[in-house]
Each structure stands twice: as C-alpha cells, then as structure tokens.
C-alpha atoms as a PDB file:
ATOM      1  CA  UNK A   1     174.373 -17.883  64.417  1.00  0.00           C
ATOM      2  CA  UNK A   2     174.419 -17.234  68.048  1.00  0.00           C
ATOM      3  CA  UNK A   3     177.568 -16.528  70.178  1.00  0.00           C
ATOM      4  CA  UNK A   4     178.295 -16.379  73.940  1.00  0.00           C
ATOM      5  CA  UNK A   5     180.382 -13.232  74.730  1.00  0.00           C
ATOM      6  CA  UNK A   6     181.299 -10.910  77.447  1.00  0.00           C
ATOM      7  CA  UNK A   7     182.450  -7.117  76.920  1.00  0.00           C
ATOM      8  CA  UNK A   8     183.976  -4.409  78.661  1.00  0.00           C
ATOM      9  CA  UNK A   9     183.380  -0.914  77.066  1.00  0.00           C
ATOM     10  CA  UNK A  10     185.853   1.550  78.743  1.00  0.00           C
ATOM     11  CA  UNK A  11     185.122   5.534  78.305  1.00  0.00           C
ATOM     12  CA  UNK A  12     188.199   7.330  79.578  1.00  0.00           C
ATOM     13  CA  UNK A  13     188.999  11.043  80.092  1.00  0.00           C
ATOM     14  CA  UNK A  14     185.303  11.763  81.061  1.00  0.00           C
ATOM     15  CA  UNK A  15     185.039  15.354  82.331  1.00  0.00           C
ATOM     16  CA  UNK A  16     183.362  15.020  86.007  1.00  0.00           C
ATOM     17  CA  UNK A  17     180.853  17.102  85.158  1.00  0.00           C
ATOM     18  CA  UNK A  18     179.392  14.653  82.240  1.00  0.00           C
ATOM     19  CA  UNK A  19     180.040  11.146  84.032  1.00  0.00           C
ATOM     20  CA  UNK A  20     176.181  11.052  85.292  1.00  0.00           C
ATOM     21  CA  UNK A  21     175.051  11.853  81.801  1.00  0.00           C
ATOM     22  CA  UNK A  22     177.139   9.331  80.208  1.00  0.00           C
ATOM     23  CA  UNK A  23     176.367   6.663  82.792  1.00  0.00           C
ATOM     24  CA  UNK A  24     172.412   7.331  81.953  1.00  0.00           C
ATOM     25  CA  UNK A  25     173.174   7.386  77.946  1.00  0.00           C
ATOM     26  CA  UNK A  26     175.152   4.173  78.169  1.00  0.00           C
ATOM     27  CA  UNK A  27     172.203   2.558  80.205  1.00  0.00           C
ATOM     28  CA  UNK A  28     169.745   3.511  77.419  1.00  0.00           C
ATOM     29  CA  UNK A  29     172.149   1.940  74.805  1.00  0.00           C
ATOM     30  CA  UNK A  30     172.152  -1.397  77.210  1.00  0.00           C
ATOM     31  CA  UNK A  31     168.390  -1.079  77.384  1.00  0.00           C
ATOM     32  CA  UNK A  32     168.257  -0.712  73.383  1.00  0.00           C
ATOM     33  CA  UNK A  33     170.135  -4.032  72.986  1.00  0.00           C
ATOM     34  CA  UNK A  34     168.094  -5.800  75.562  1.00  0.00           C
ATOM     35  CA  UNK A  35     171.286  -6.233  77.827  1.00  0.00           C
ATOM     36  CA  UNK A  36     170.191  -4.459  80.967  1.00  0.00           C
ATOM     37  CA  UNK A  37     170.048  -7.373  83.134  1.00  0.00           C
ATOM     38  CA  UNK A  38     173.003  -8.601  81.793  1.00  0.00           C
ATOM     39  CA  UNK A  39     175.393  -5.562  82.142  1.00  0.00           C
ATOM     40  CA  UNK A  40     176.588  -2.844  84.725  1.00  0.00           C
ATOM     41  CA  UNK A  41     177.104   0.569  83.687  1.00  0.00           C
ATOM     42  CA  UNK A  42     179.058   3.054  86.379  1.00  0.00           C
ATOM     43  CA  UNK A  43     182.315   5.083  87.235  1.00  0.00           C
ATOM     44  CA  UNK A  44     184.288   1.568  87.783  1.00  0.00           C
ATOM     45  CA  UNK A  45     186.310   2.017  91.220  1.00  0.00           C
ATOM     46  CA  UNK A  46     185.246   5.279  91.524  1.00  0.00           C
ATOM     47  CA  UNK A  47     188.358   6.219  89.003  1.00  0.00           C
ATOM     48  CA  UNK A  48     188.108   9.876  88.070  1.00  0.00           C
ATOM     49  CA  UNK A  49     187.066  10.296  84.544  1.00  0.00           C
ATOM     50  CA  UNK A  50     186.731   6.552  83.699  1.00  0.00           C
ATOM     51  CA  UNK A  51     183.158   4.824  83.105  1.00  0.00           C
ATOM     52  CA  UNK A  52     182.496   1.312  82.049  1.00  0.00           C
ATOM     53  CA  UNK A  53     179.832  -0.702  80.724  1.00  0.00           C
ATOM     54  CA  UNK A  54     180.468  -4.392  81.102  1.00  0.00           C
ATOM     55  CA  UNK A  55     178.542  -7.776  81.453  1.00  0.00           C
ATOM     56  CA  UNK A  56     178.135  -9.448  84.449  1.00  0.00           C
ATOM     57  CA  UNK A  57     178.564 -12.956  82.691  1.00  0.00           C
ATOM     58  CA  UNK A  58     178.200 -14.303  79.108  1.00  0.00           C
ATOM     59  CA  UNK A  59     175.499 -13.039  77.035  1.00  0.00           C
ATOM     60  CA  UNK A  60     174.133 -14.641  73.937  1.00  0.00           C
ATOM     61  CA  UNK A  61     174.305 -12.428  70.797  1.00  0.00           C
ATOM     62  CA  UNK A  62     172.778 -13.460  67.534  1.00  0.00           C
ATOM     63  CA  UNK A  63     174.343 -12.422  64.150  1.00  0.00           C
ATOM     64  CA  UNK A  64     177.359 -10.998  66.358  1.00  0.00           C
ATOM     65  CA  UNK A  65     179.191  -9.827  63.031  1.00  0.00           C
ATOM     66  CA  UNK A  66     176.536  -7.631  61.942  1.00  0.00           C
ATOM     67  CA  UNK A  67     175.894  -6.491  65.553  1.00  0.00           C
ATOM     68  CA  UNK A  68     179.040  -5.449  66.912  1.00  0.00           C
ATOM     69  CA  UNK A  69     180.207  -2.969  64.518  1.00  0.00           C
ATOM     70  CA  UNK A  70     176.807  -1.046  64.817  1.00  0.00           C
ATOM     71  CA  UNK A  71     176.827  -1.541  68.841  1.00  0.00           C
ATOM     72  CA  UNK A  72     180.511  -0.121  68.970  1.00  0.00           C
ATOM     73  CA  UNK A  73     179.368   2.808  66.864  1.00  0.00           C
ATOM     74  CA  UNK A  74     176.435   3.565  69.105  1.00  0.00           C
ATOM     75  CA  UNK A  75     178.555   3.300  72.140  1.00  0.00           C
ATOM     76  CA  UNK A  76     181.239   5.651  70.698  1.00  0.00           C
ATOM     77  CA  UNK A  77     178.434   8.077  69.581  1.00  0.00           C
ATOM     78  CA  UNK A  78     176.966   8.391  72.840  1.00  0.00           C
ATOM     79  CA  UNK A  79     180.382   8.799  74.439  1.00  0.00           C
ATOM     80  CA  UNK A  80     181.323  11.503  72.207  1.00  0.00           C
ATOM     81  CA  UNK A  81     178.016  13.241  72.897  1.00  0.00           C
ATOM     82  CA  UNK A  82     178.651  13.471  76.509  1.00  0.00           C
ATOM     83  CA  UNK A  83     182.542  14.064  76.396  1.00  0.00           C
ATOM     84  CA  UNK A  84     183.673  14.759  73.034  1.00  0.00           C
ATOM     85  CA  UNK A  85     187.473  14.179  74.094  1.00  0.00           C
ATOM     86  CA  UNK A  86     186.832  10.971  75.484  1.00  0.00           C
ATOM     87  CA  UNK A  87     188.552   7.750  74.252  1.00  0.00           C
ATOM     88  CA  UNK A  88     186.607   4.555  73.955  1.00  0.00           C
ATOM     89  CA  UNK A  89     187.846   1.032  74.015  1.00  0.00           C
ATOM     90  CA  UNK A  90     185.785  -2.096  73.821  1.00  0.00           C
ATOM     91  CA  UNK A  91     187.510  -5.390  74.920  1.00  0.00           C
ATOM     92  CA  UNK A  92     185.541  -8.818  73.704  1.00  0.00           C
ATOM     93  CA  UNK A  93     186.110 -12.034  75.426  1.00  0.00           C
ATOM     94  CA  UNK A  94     184.624 -15.401  74.148  1.00  0.00           C
ATOM     95  CA  UNK A  95     184.131 -17.808  76.922  1.00  0.00           C
ATOM     96  CA  UNK A  96     183.254 -20.964  74.727  1.00  0.00           C
ATOM     97  CA  UNK A  97     186.612 -20.219  73.032  1.00  0.00           C
ATOM     98  CA  UNK A  98     188.906 -20.246  76.213  1.00  0.00           C
END
C-alpha cells in the first residue's frame, strides 16, 4: 500500500567542521531512496550545529511500515558517522490524514 507523507529529519549538535560532510552524506541517502527531487538537505536557517533533510511537499512511499525503520536507521547511521554526538529526530506527517 502506498501512502503520502512528509518528513523533517533534524540532526543537532553537529560540529561545524562536520556540517558539509553530513549534508553530502544525507543527500546520498536521499538519492539512494529516489527522493532527491522531493527533498532539501541544508543547514536550515544557518543555525550552527543543525542540519535538516526535509520534503518539499508530499511524497508517495510504498510499504511505509517496512520502509521507514530502514530509512530512519540509515539517517541515524550517516549522522553518527559524521557527528558521533549528534542527536537525530525524524518528524513524520501524513497530509491525507489531516
């Protein structure tokens, strides 16, 4: 079953020297998931130590129940590789349910 969703993955407490590498790595995750046209990865608002990957509108995901744990684990893995002390939070929203 397919579902429309939006997400914001926030990685905080990223050392400034790790920001560019983390952004590049998260863009790679989005590319692997075929989400590059539907997401932005940046140092949102130029807040020091915070990087976000977020959808620009609803995306359709098939098999969300199987997909999202793997996606979340991959985002956390990439964040940990670039900023071991960083915290990761992914907020999901489902526009069809609002």
